Amino acid sequence: EFLGIAEETGLIVQMGEFVIRRALSEMAAWKGDFRISINLSPSQIRSVDLLPTIAEAIAETGIDPHRIEFEITE
């Protein structure tokens, strides 16, 4: 129900931006060479802010982009 409401109200995009920034920030503090996978909703994919958000989060954290995977939810 929660995600459905977030999608309907458009809040999913802002929530997704927060998750991307927070996930990469947390990952930057962990030791090891592993990958992280972040789920994106179709609404996020259509957002013009998605790529700038990802680029800024990568630049801020210094994480190698090859360590990040994005999956589109149904």
PDB file of N, CA and C in Angstrom:
ATOM      1  N   GLU A   1       0.808  -1.191   0.000  1.00  0.00           N
ATOM      2  CA  GLU A   1       0.000   0.000   0.000  1.00  0.00           C
ATOM      3  C   GLU A   1       0.857   1.264   0.000  1.00  0.00           C
ATOM      4  N   PHE A   2       1.920   1.226   0.775  1.00  0.00           N
ATOM      5  CA  PHE A   2       2.783   2.400   0.927  1.00  0.00           C
ATOM      6  C   PHE A   2       3.351   2.856  -0.416  1.00  0.00           C
ATOM      7  N   LEU A   3       3.920   1.923  -1.166  1.00  0.00           N
ATOM      8  CA  LEU A   3       4.512   2.286  -2.456  1.00  0.00           C
ATOM      9  C   LEU A   3       3.458   2.746  -3.455  1.00  0.00           C
ATOM     10  N   GLY A   4       2.290   2.155  -3.409  1.00  0.00           N
ATOM     11  CA  GLY A   4       1.215   2.579  -4.286  1.00  0.00           C
ATOM     12  C   GLY A   4       0.809   4.025  -4.015  1.00  0.00           C
ATOM     13  N   ILE A   5       0.717   4.379  -2.746  1.00  0.00           N
ATOM     14  CA  ILE A   5       0.383   5.753  -2.378  1.00  0.00           C
ATOM     15  C   ILE A   5       1.500   6.701  -2.792  1.00  0.00           C
ATOM     16  N   ALA A   6       2.734   6.286  -2.577  1.00  0.00           N
ATOM     17  CA  ALA A   6       3.874   7.119  -2.970  1.00  0.00           C
ATOM     18  C   ALA A   6       3.880   7.347  -4.475  1.00  0.00           C
ATOM     19  N   GLU A   7       3.556   6.321  -5.245  1.00  0.00           N
ATOM     20  CA  GLU A   7       3.482   6.452  -6.703  1.00  0.00           C
ATOM     21  C   GLU A   7       2.360   7.407  -7.102  1.00  0.00           C
ATOM     22  N   GLU A   8       1.185   7.211  -6.521  1.00  0.00           N
ATOM     23  CA  GLU A   8       0.017   8.026  -6.873  1.00  0.00           C
ATOM     24  C   GLU A   8       0.217   9.505  -6.551  1.00  0.00           C
ATOM     25  N   THR A   9       0.891   9.782  -5.457  1.00  0.00           N
ATOM     26  CA  THR A   9       1.074  11.170  -5.026  1.00  0.00           C
ATOM     27  C   THR A   9       2.307  11.824  -5.643  1.00  0.00           C
ATOM     28  N   GLY A  10       3.144  11.025  -6.299  1.00  0.00           N
ATOM     29  CA  GLY A  10       4.361  11.564  -6.891  1.00  0.00           C
ATOM     30  C   GLY A  10       5.525  11.656  -5.918  1.00  0.00           C
ATOM     31  N   LEU A  11       5.308  11.255  -4.677  1.00  0.00           N
ATOM     32  CA  LEU A  11       6.384  11.319  -3.683  1.00  0.00           C
ATOM     33  C   LEU A  11       7.468  10.276  -3.912  1.00  0.00           C
ATOM     34  N   ILE A  12       7.188   9.296  -4.744  1.00  0.00           N
ATOM     35  CA  ILE A  12       8.164   8.232  -5.002  1.00  0.00           C
ATOM     36  C   ILE A  12       9.459   8.788  -5.580  1.00  0.00           C
ATOM     37  N   VAL A  13       9.377   9.858  -6.349  1.00  0.00           N
ATOM     38  CA  VAL A  13      10.579  10.433  -6.957  1.00  0.00           C
ATOM     39  C   VAL A  13      11.478  11.041  -5.879  1.00  0.00           C
ATOM     40  N   GLN A  14      10.903  11.836  -4.991  1.00  0.00           N
ATOM     41  CA  GLN A  14      11.700  12.437  -3.920  1.00  0.00           C
ATOM     42  C   GLN A  14      12.237  11.375  -2.962  1.00  0.00           C
ATOM     43  N   MET A  15      11.417  10.381  -2.673  1.00  0.00           N
ATOM     44  CA  MET A  15      11.871   9.292  -1.806  1.00  0.00           C
ATOM     45  C   MET A  15      13.020   8.539  -2.465  1.00  0.00           C
ATOM     46  N   GLY A  16      12.896   8.308  -3.758  1.00  0.00           N
ATOM     47  CA  GLY A  16      13.942   7.612  -4.488  1.00  0.00           C
ATOM     48  C   GLY A  16      15.245   8.378  -4.502  1.00  0.00           C
ATOM     49  N   GLU A  17      15.173   9.700  -4.646  1.00  0.00           N
ATOM     50  CA  GLU A  17      16.380  10.522  -4.613  1.00  0.00           C
ATOM     51  C   GLU A  17      17.061  10.408  -3.258  1.00  0.00           C
ATOM     52  N   PHE A  18      16.266  10.427  -2.197  1.00  0.00           N
ATOM     53  CA  PHE A  18      16.810  10.263  -0.854  1.00  0.00           C
ATOM     54  C   PHE A  18      17.492   8.902  -0.713  1.00  0.00           C
ATOM     55  N   VAL A  19      16.837   7.861  -1.200  1.00  0.00           N
ATOM     56  CA  VAL A  19      17.383   6.505  -1.084  1.00  0.00           C
ATOM     57  C   VAL A  19      18.708   6.383  -1.840  1.00  0.00           C
ATOM     58  N   ILE A  20      18.774   6.932  -3.038  1.00  0.00           N
ATOM     59  CA  ILE A  20      20.007   6.867  -3.825  1.00  0.00           C
ATOM     60  C   ILE A  20      21.143   7.551  -3.070  1.00  0.00           C
ATOM     61  N   ARG A  21      20.900   8.768  -2.606  1.00  0.00           N
ATOM     62  CA  ARG A  21      21.940   9.510  -1.884  1.00  0.00           C
ATOM     63  C   ARG A  21      22.356   8.784  -0.607  1.00  0.00           C
ATOM     64  N   ARG A  22      21.386   8.300   0.134  1.00  0.00           N
ATOM     65  CA  ARG A  22      21.672   7.637   1.410  1.00  0.00           C
ATOM     66  C   ARG A  22      22.394   6.311   1.188  1.00  0.00           C
ATOM     67  N   ALA A  23      21.953   5.541   0.211  1.00  0.00           N
ATOM     68  CA  ALA A  23      22.579   4.238  -0.056  1.00  0.00           C
ATOM     69  C   ALA A  23      24.044   4.410  -0.443  1.00  0.00           C
ATOM     70  N   LEU A  24      24.326   5.366  -1.321  1.00  0.00           N
ATOM     71  CA  LEU A  24      25.719   5.571  -1.734  1.00  0.00           C
ATOM     72  C   LEU A  24      26.555   6.145  -0.604  1.00  0.00           C
ATOM     73  N   SER A  25      25.962   7.002   0.200  1.00  0.00           N
ATOM     74  CA  SER A  25      26.673   7.549   1.356  1.00  0.00           C
ATOM     75  C   SER A  25      27.030   6.443   2.347  1.00  0.00           C
ATOM     76  N   GLU A  26      26.081   5.574   2.621  1.00  0.00           N
ATOM     77  CA  GLU A  26      26.340   4.447   3.530  1.00  0.00           C
ATOM     78  C   GLU A  26      27.386   3.517   2.940  1.00  0.00           C
ATOM     79  N   MET A  27      27.269   3.229   1.661  1.00  0.00           N
ATOM     80  CA  MET A  27      28.205   2.321   0.999  1.00  0.00           C
ATOM     81  C   MET A  27      29.628   2.864   1.050  1.00  0.00           C
ATOM     82  N   ALA A  28      29.782   4.162   0.928  1.00  0.00           N
ATOM     83  CA  ALA A  28      31.112   4.774   0.952  1.00  0.00           C
ATOM     84  C   ALA A  28      31.815   4.549   2.288  1.00  0.00           C
ATOM     85  N   ALA A  29      31.050   4.359   3.339  1.00  0.00           N
ATOM     86  CA  ALA A  29      31.635   4.162   4.671  1.00  0.00           C
ATOM     87  C   ALA A  29      32.008   2.705   4.952  1.00  0.00           C
ATOM     88  N   TRP A  30      31.527   1.778   4.124  1.00  0.00           N
ATOM     89  CA  TRP A  30      31.790   0.360   4.350  1.00  0.00           C
ATOM     90  C   TRP A  30      33.103  -0.049   3.715  1.00  0.00           C
ATOM     91  N   LYS A  31      33.775  -0.987   4.350  1.00  0.00           N
ATOM     92  CA  LYS A  31      35.012  -1.538   3.800  1.00  0.00           C
ATOM     93  C   LYS A  31      34.673  -2.705   2.891  1.00  0.00           C
ATOM     94  N   GLY A  32      35.456  -2.866   1.844  1.00  0.00           N
ATOM     95  CA  GLY A  32      35.245  -3.974   0.929  1.00  0.00           C
ATOM     96  C   GLY A  32      34.919  -3.490  -0.468  1.00  0.00           C
ATOM     97  N   ASP A  33      35.054  -4.394  -1.412  1.00  0.00           N
ATOM     98  CA  ASP A  33      34.798  -4.083  -2.812  1.00  0.00           C
ATOM     99  C   ASP A  33      33.596  -4.893  -3.277  1.00  0.00           C
ATOM    100  N   PHE A  34      32.428  -4.394  -3.019  1.00  0.00           N
ATOM    101  CA  PHE A  34      31.210  -5.095  -3.358  1.00  0.00           C
ATOM    102  C   PHE A  34      30.310  -4.167  -4.170  1.00  0.00           C
ATOM    103  N   ARG A  35      29.188  -4.705  -4.615  1.00  0.00           N
ATOM    104  CA  ARG A  35      28.244  -3.931  -5.428  1.00  0.00           C
ATOM    105  C   ARG A  35      26.980  -3.667  -4.615  1.00  0.00           C
ATOM    106  N   ILE A  36      26.269  -2.641  -5.027  1.00  0.00           N
ATOM    107  CA  ILE A  36      24.983  -2.338  -4.420  1.00  0.00           C
ATOM    108  C   ILE A  36      23.943  -2.266  -5.531  1.00  0.00           C
ATOM    109  N   SER A  37      22.740  -2.725  -5.227  1.00  0.00           N
ATOM    110  CA  SER A  37      21.647  -2.677  -6.189  1.00  0.00           C
ATOM    111  C   SER A  37      20.544  -1.803  -5.610  1.00  0.00           C
ATOM    112  N   ILE A  38      20.071  -0.862  -6.411  1.00  0.00           N
ATOM    113  CA  ILE A  38      19.031   0.064  -5.982  1.00  0.00           C
ATOM    114  C   ILE A  38      17.850  -0.088  -6.928  1.00  0.00           C
ATOM    115  N   ASN A  39      16.670  -0.287  -6.362  1.00  0.00           N
ATOM    116  CA  ASN A  39      15.454  -0.411  -7.160  1.00  0.00           C
ATOM    117  C   ASN A  39      14.928   0.963  -7.542  1.00  0.00           C
ATOM    118  N   LEU A  40      14.487   1.089  -8.774  1.00  0.00           N
ATOM    119  CA  LEU A  40      13.885   2.322  -9.275  1.00  0.00           C
ATOM    120  C   LEU A  40      12.484   2.021  -9.793  1.00  0.00           C
ATOM    121  N   SER A  41      11.569   2.916  -9.500  1.00  0.00           N
ATOM    122  CA  SER A  41      10.217   2.755 -10.030  1.00  0.00           C
ATOM    123  C   SER A  41      10.155   3.357 -11.435  1.00  0.00           C
ATOM    124  N   PRO A  42       9.160   2.974 -12.219  1.00  0.00           N
ATOM    125  CA  PRO A  42       9.005   3.596 -13.537  1.00  0.00           C
ATOM    126  C   PRO A  42       8.881   5.120 -13.456  1.00  0.00           C
ATOM    127  N   SER A  43       8.251   5.632 -12.398  1.00  0.00           N
ATOM    128  CA  SER A  43       8.136   7.091 -12.230  1.00  0.00           C
ATOM    129  C   SER A  43       9.508   7.734 -12.077  1.00  0.00           C
ATOM    130  N   GLN A  44      10.386   7.076 -11.360  1.00  0.00           N
ATOM    131  CA  GLN A  44      11.744   7.604 -11.188  1.00  0.00           C
ATOM    132  C   GLN A  44      12.491   7.618 -12.518  1.00  0.00           C
ATOM    133  N   ILE A  45      12.299   6.586 -13.316  1.00  0.00           N
ATOM    134  CA  ILE A  45      12.971   6.491 -14.608  1.00  0.00           C
ATOM    135  C   ILE A  45      12.568   7.660 -15.505  1.00  0.00           C
ATOM    136  N   ARG A  46      11.326   8.086 -15.398  1.00  0.00           N
ATOM    137  CA  ARG A  46      10.836   9.199 -16.216  1.00  0.00           C
ATOM    138  C   ARG A  46      11.246  10.569 -15.668  1.00  0.00           C
ATOM    139  N   SER A  47      11.775  10.621 -14.465  1.00  0.00           N
ATOM    140  CA  SER A  47      12.136  11.898 -13.846  1.00  0.00           C
ATOM    141  C   SER A  47      13.390  12.500 -14.492  1.00  0.00           C
ATOM    142  N   VAL A  48      13.311  13.782 -14.822  1.00  0.00           N
ATOM    143  CA  VAL A  48      14.473  14.473 -15.399  1.00  0.00           C
ATOM    144  C   VAL A  48      15.581  14.658 -14.370  1.00  0.00           C
ATOM    145  N   ASP A  49      15.269  14.462 -13.102  1.00  0.00           N
ATOM    146  CA  ASP A  49      16.258  14.639 -12.041  1.00  0.00           C
ATOM    147  C   ASP A  49      17.027  13.367 -11.699  1.00  0.00           C
ATOM    148  N   LEU A  50      16.647  12.243 -12.293  1.00  0.00           N
ATOM    149  CA  LEU A  50      17.287  10.975 -11.932  1.00  0.00           C
ATOM    150  C   LEU A  50      18.787  10.975 -12.221  1.00  0.00           C
ATOM    151  N   LEU A  51      19.167  11.246 -13.444  1.00  0.00           N
ATOM    152  CA  LEU A  51      20.598  11.197 -13.791  1.00  0.00           C
ATOM    153  C   LEU A  51      21.422  12.229 -13.016  1.00  0.00           C
ATOM    154  N   PRO A  52      20.951  13.480 -12.879  1.00  0.00           N
ATOM    155  CA  PRO A  52      21.722  14.426 -12.058  1.00  0.00           C
ATOM    156  C   PRO A  52      21.850  13.969 -10.598  1.00  0.00           C
ATOM    157  N   THR A  53      20.793  13.366 -10.068  1.00  0.00           N
ATOM    158  CA  THR A  53      20.855  12.864  -8.688  1.00  0.00           C
ATOM    159  C   THR A  53      21.912  11.782  -8.555  1.00  0.00           C
ATOM    160  N   ILE A  54      21.926  10.838  -9.495  1.00  0.00           N
ATOM    161  CA  ILE A  54      22.908   9.755  -9.459  1.00  0.00           C
ATOM    162  C   ILE A  54      24.318  10.309  -9.627  1.00  0.00           C
ATOM    163  N   ALA A  55      24.506  11.196 -10.589  1.00  0.00           N
ATOM    164  CA  ALA A  55      25.835  11.774 -10.834  1.00  0.00           C
ATOM    165  C   ALA A  55      26.338  12.547  -9.615  1.00  0.00           C
ATOM    166  N   GLU A  56      25.472  13.323  -8.995  1.00  0.00           N
ATOM    167  CA  GLU A  56      25.867  14.086  -7.814  1.00  0.00           C
ATOM    168  C   GLU A  56      26.215  13.161  -6.653  1.00  0.00           C
ATOM    169  N   ALA A  57      25.418  12.113  -6.453  1.00  0.00           N
ATOM    170  CA  ALA A  57      25.687  11.175  -5.358  1.00  0.00           C
ATOM    171  C   ALA A  57      27.008  10.445  -5.575  1.00  0.00           C
ATOM    172  N   ILE A  58      27.305  10.087  -6.808  1.00  0.00           N
ATOM    173  CA  ILE A  58      28.585   9.427  -7.114  1.00  0.00           C
ATOM    174  C   ILE A  58      29.739  10.395  -6.871  1.00  0.00           C
ATOM    175  N   ALA A  59      29.591  11.623  -7.324  1.00  0.00           N
ATOM    176  CA  ALA A  59      30.646  12.629  -7.138  1.00  0.00           C
ATOM    177  C   ALA A  59      30.872  12.926  -5.658  1.00  0.00           C
ATOM    178  N   GLU A  60      29.799  13.020  -4.892  1.00  0.00           N
ATOM    179  CA  GLU A  60      29.912  13.327  -3.465  1.00  0.00           C
ATOM    180  C   GLU A  60      30.566  12.202  -2.683  1.00  0.00           C
ATOM    181  N   THR A  61      30.316  10.963  -3.073  1.00  0.00           N
ATOM    182  CA  THR A  61      30.821   9.820  -2.308  1.00  0.00           C
ATOM    183  C   THR A  61      32.116   9.246  -2.855  1.00  0.00           C
ATOM    184  N   GLY A  62      32.396   9.496  -4.139  1.00  0.00           N
ATOM    185  CA  GLY A  62      33.602   8.948  -4.753  1.00  0.00           C
ATOM    186  C   GLY A  62      33.515   7.471  -5.066  1.00  0.00           C
ATOM    187  N   ILE A  63      32.317   6.916  -5.046  1.00  0.00           N
ATOM    188  CA  ILE A  63      32.140   5.492  -5.331  1.00  0.00           C
ATOM    189  C   ILE A  63      32.337   5.222  -6.819  1.00  0.00           C
ATOM    190  N   ASP A  64      32.995   4.116  -7.132  1.00  0.00           N
ATOM    191  CA  ASP A  64      33.167   3.689  -8.521  1.00  0.00           C
ATOM    192  C   ASP A  64      31.787   3.329  -9.080  1.00  0.00           C
ATOM    193  N   PRO A  65      31.341   3.969 -10.147  1.00  0.00           N
ATOM    194  CA  PRO A  65      30.011   3.687 -10.704  1.00  0.00           C
ATOM    195  C   PRO A  65      29.802   2.227 -11.102  1.00  0.00           C
ATOM    196  N   HIS A  66      30.865   1.509 -11.374  1.00  0.00           N
ATOM    197  CA  HIS A  66      30.735   0.096 -11.742  1.00  0.00           C
ATOM    198  C   HIS A  66      30.242  -0.761 -10.582  1.00  0.00           C
ATOM    199  N   ARG A  67      30.264  -0.192  -9.374  1.00  0.00           N
ATOM    200  CA  ARG A  67      29.819  -0.935  -8.200  1.00  0.00           C
ATOM    201  C   ARG A  67      28.332  -0.732  -7.914  1.00  0.00           C
ATOM    202  N   ILE A  68      27.645   0.005  -8.778  1.00  0.00           N
ATOM    203  CA  ILE A  68      26.236   0.328  -8.557  1.00  0.00           C
ATOM    204  C   ILE A  68      25.389  -0.301  -9.661  1.00  0.00           C
ATOM    205  N   GLU A  69      24.318  -0.966  -9.260  1.00  0.00           N
ATOM    206  CA  GLU A  69      23.357  -1.536 -10.205  1.00  0.00           C
ATOM    207  C   GLU A  69      22.006  -0.910  -9.924  1.00  0.00           C
ATOM    208  N   PHE A  70      21.244  -0.684 -10.965  1.00  0.00           N
ATOM    209  CA  PHE A  70      19.884  -0.179 -10.814  1.00  0.00           C
ATOM    210  C   PHE A  70      18.932  -1.189 -11.442  1.00  0.00           C
ATOM    211  N   GLU A  71      17.846  -1.472 -10.731  1.00  0.00           N
ATOM    212  CA  GLU A  71      16.822  -2.388 -11.219  1.00  0.00           C
ATOM    213  C   GLU A  71      15.502  -1.647 -11.275  1.00  0.00           C
ATOM    214  N   ILE A  72      14.751  -1.858 -12.329  1.00  0.00           N
ATOM    215  CA  ILE A  72      13.456  -1.219 -12.480  1.00  0.00           C
ATOM    216  C   ILE A  72      12.384  -2.145 -11.922  1.00  0.00           C
ATOM    217  N   THR A  73      11.591  -1.612 -10.995  1.00  0.00           N
ATOM    218  CA  THR A  73      10.505  -2.401 -10.407  1.00  0.00           C
ATOM    219  C   THR A  73       9.302  -2.411 -11.338  1.00  0.00           C
ATOM    220  N   GLU A  74       8.414  -3.346 -11.133  1.00  0.00           N
ATOM    221  CA  GLU A  74       7.215  -3.446 -11.969  1.00  0.00           C
ATOM    222  C   GLU A  74       6.086  -2.650 -11.391  1.00  0.00           C
TER     223      GLU A  74
END
